[in-house]
Amino acid sequence: MKFILLLASILTIVNDVWCAVAIIPADTSKNHSGYCYSAYTGPIEAAGEIKNIEGKCVQAICNDDRSIRLESCGAVSGPCGKTDVDYSKPYPQCCPKPKGC
């Protein structure tokens, strides 16, 4: 029984840590100097600023070199499926979770 509780605890922790990550290179055009920008995210004013992308379960972070780090939900599965993405919540609360049986 202790083994099952330990395994369940580890799986819960691992599930909360996994995510998908992408980097958008800095847009160095004169129109967007001084802040992070991409057509996908729009402007992000300062390095370290986090912006949730409306209608997506994604957050964008402006890096010091003006590139943008995108973080979204990783792959999720459970013995009885997974919940749907909840676009009304910010990342990571919007991510699907394993369903209990």
Protein backbone atom coordinates (compact mmCIF):
# COMPACT_ATOMS: atom_id res chain seq x y z
CA MET A 1 0.00 0.00 0.00
CA LYS A 2 2.85 2.41 0.84
CA PHE A 3 4.36 1.73 -2.59
CA ILE A 4 1.10 2.66 -4.35
CA LEU A 5 0.85 5.93 -2.40
CA LEU A 6 4.49 6.75 -3.16
CA LEU A 7 4.00 5.99 -6.86
CA ALA A 8 0.82 8.10 -7.00
CA SER A 9 2.65 11.00 -5.33
CA ILE A 10 5.55 10.82 -7.78
CA LEU A 11 3.24 10.66 -10.80
CA THR A 12 1.31 13.69 -9.54
CA ILE A 13 4.50 15.70 -9.13
CA VAL A 14 5.88 14.67 -12.54
CA ASN A 15 2.57 15.48 -14.24
CA ASP A 16 2.66 19.04 -12.89
CA VAL A 17 6.20 19.67 -14.13
CA TRP A 18 6.04 18.49 -17.75
CA CYS A 19 5.28 21.06 -20.43
CA ALA A 20 5.99 21.79 -24.06
CA VAL A 21 8.44 24.62 -24.75
CA ALA A 22 9.28 26.57 -27.92
CA ILE A 23 11.47 29.60 -28.58
CA ILE A 24 10.52 32.32 -31.07
CA PRO A 25 13.63 34.22 -32.26
CA ALA A 26 13.80 37.95 -31.57
CA ASP A 27 12.09 40.20 -34.11
CA THR A 28 14.85 42.75 -34.68
CA SER A 29 12.97 45.01 -37.10
CA LYS A 30 12.89 48.71 -36.26
CA ASN A 31 9.12 48.52 -35.76
CA HIS A 32 9.59 46.32 -32.70
CA SER A 33 12.79 47.58 -31.13
CA GLY A 34 12.90 47.76 -27.36
CA TYR A 35 10.50 44.91 -26.59
CA CYS A 36 9.67 41.33 -27.45
CA TYR A 37 7.27 40.84 -30.33
CA SER A 38 5.87 38.11 -32.55
CA ALA A 39 2.72 37.96 -34.66
CA TYR A 40 1.57 35.09 -32.42
CA THR A 41 2.03 36.87 -29.08
CA GLY A 42 1.87 40.54 -29.96
CA PRO A 43 4.08 42.90 -27.93
CA ILE A 44 5.54 41.94 -24.56
CA GLU A 45 6.98 45.05 -22.97
CA ALA A 46 9.84 43.88 -20.73
CA ALA A 47 12.29 41.04 -20.20
CA GLY A 48 10.85 38.58 -17.70
CA GLU A 49 7.27 39.64 -18.37
CA ILE A 50 4.79 36.79 -18.74
CA LYS A 51 1.79 37.06 -21.05
CA ASN A 52 -1.04 34.53 -21.34
CA ILE A 53 -2.20 34.09 -24.94
CA GLU A 54 -5.95 34.60 -25.14
CA GLY A 55 -7.88 31.62 -26.52
CA LYS A 56 -4.86 29.32 -26.10
CA CYS A 57 -3.45 27.38 -23.19
CA VAL A 58 -0.04 29.00 -23.66
CA GLN A 59 2.08 31.56 -21.85
CA ALA A 60 4.79 33.65 -23.46
CA ILE A 61 7.84 34.94 -21.60
CA CYS A 62 10.05 37.74 -22.91
CA ASN A 63 13.73 36.74 -22.65
CA ASP A 64 16.65 39.12 -22.13
CA ASP A 65 17.71 38.71 -25.79
CA ARG A 66 14.12 39.65 -26.88
CA SER A 67 13.35 36.09 -27.99
CA ILE A 68 10.08 34.69 -26.67
CA ARG A 69 9.75 31.43 -24.75
CA LEU A 70 6.37 29.74 -25.22
CA GLU A 71 5.19 27.23 -22.63
CA SER A 72 2.15 25.02 -23.09
CA CYS A 73 0.72 21.78 -21.78
CA GLY A 74 2.66 18.58 -22.20
CA ALA A 75 1.20 15.21 -23.06
CA VAL A 76 -1.23 13.93 -20.44
CA SER A 77 -2.84 10.55 -20.07
CA GLY A 78 -4.54 8.68 -17.31
CA PRO A 79 -6.12 5.29 -16.81
CA CYS A 80 -9.55 6.79 -17.55
CA GLY A 81 -8.61 9.52 -20.02
CA LYS A 82 -8.02 13.20 -19.42
CA THR A 83 -10.01 16.36 -18.83
CA ASP A 84 -10.51 18.90 -21.61
CA VAL A 85 -8.40 22.05 -21.92
CA ASP A 86 -10.12 24.88 -20.00
CA TYR A 87 -9.43 27.99 -22.09
CA SER A 88 -11.13 30.22 -19.49
CA LYS A 89 -8.15 29.72 -17.14
CA PRO A 90 -4.55 30.95 -17.51
CA TYR A 91 -1.64 28.58 -18.11
CA PRO A 92 -0.95 26.13 -16.43
CA GLN A 93 -4.37 25.84 -14.75
CA CYS A 94 -5.94 25.46 -18.22
CA CYS A 95 -4.00 22.26 -18.98
CA PRO A 96 -5.81 18.91 -19.14
CA LYS A 97 -5.41 16.63 -16.14
CA PRO A 98 -5.61 12.84 -15.88
CA LYS A 99 -9.14 11.66 -15.06
CA GLY A 100 -9.72 9.45 -12.06
CA CYS A 101 -11.79 6.32 -12.53
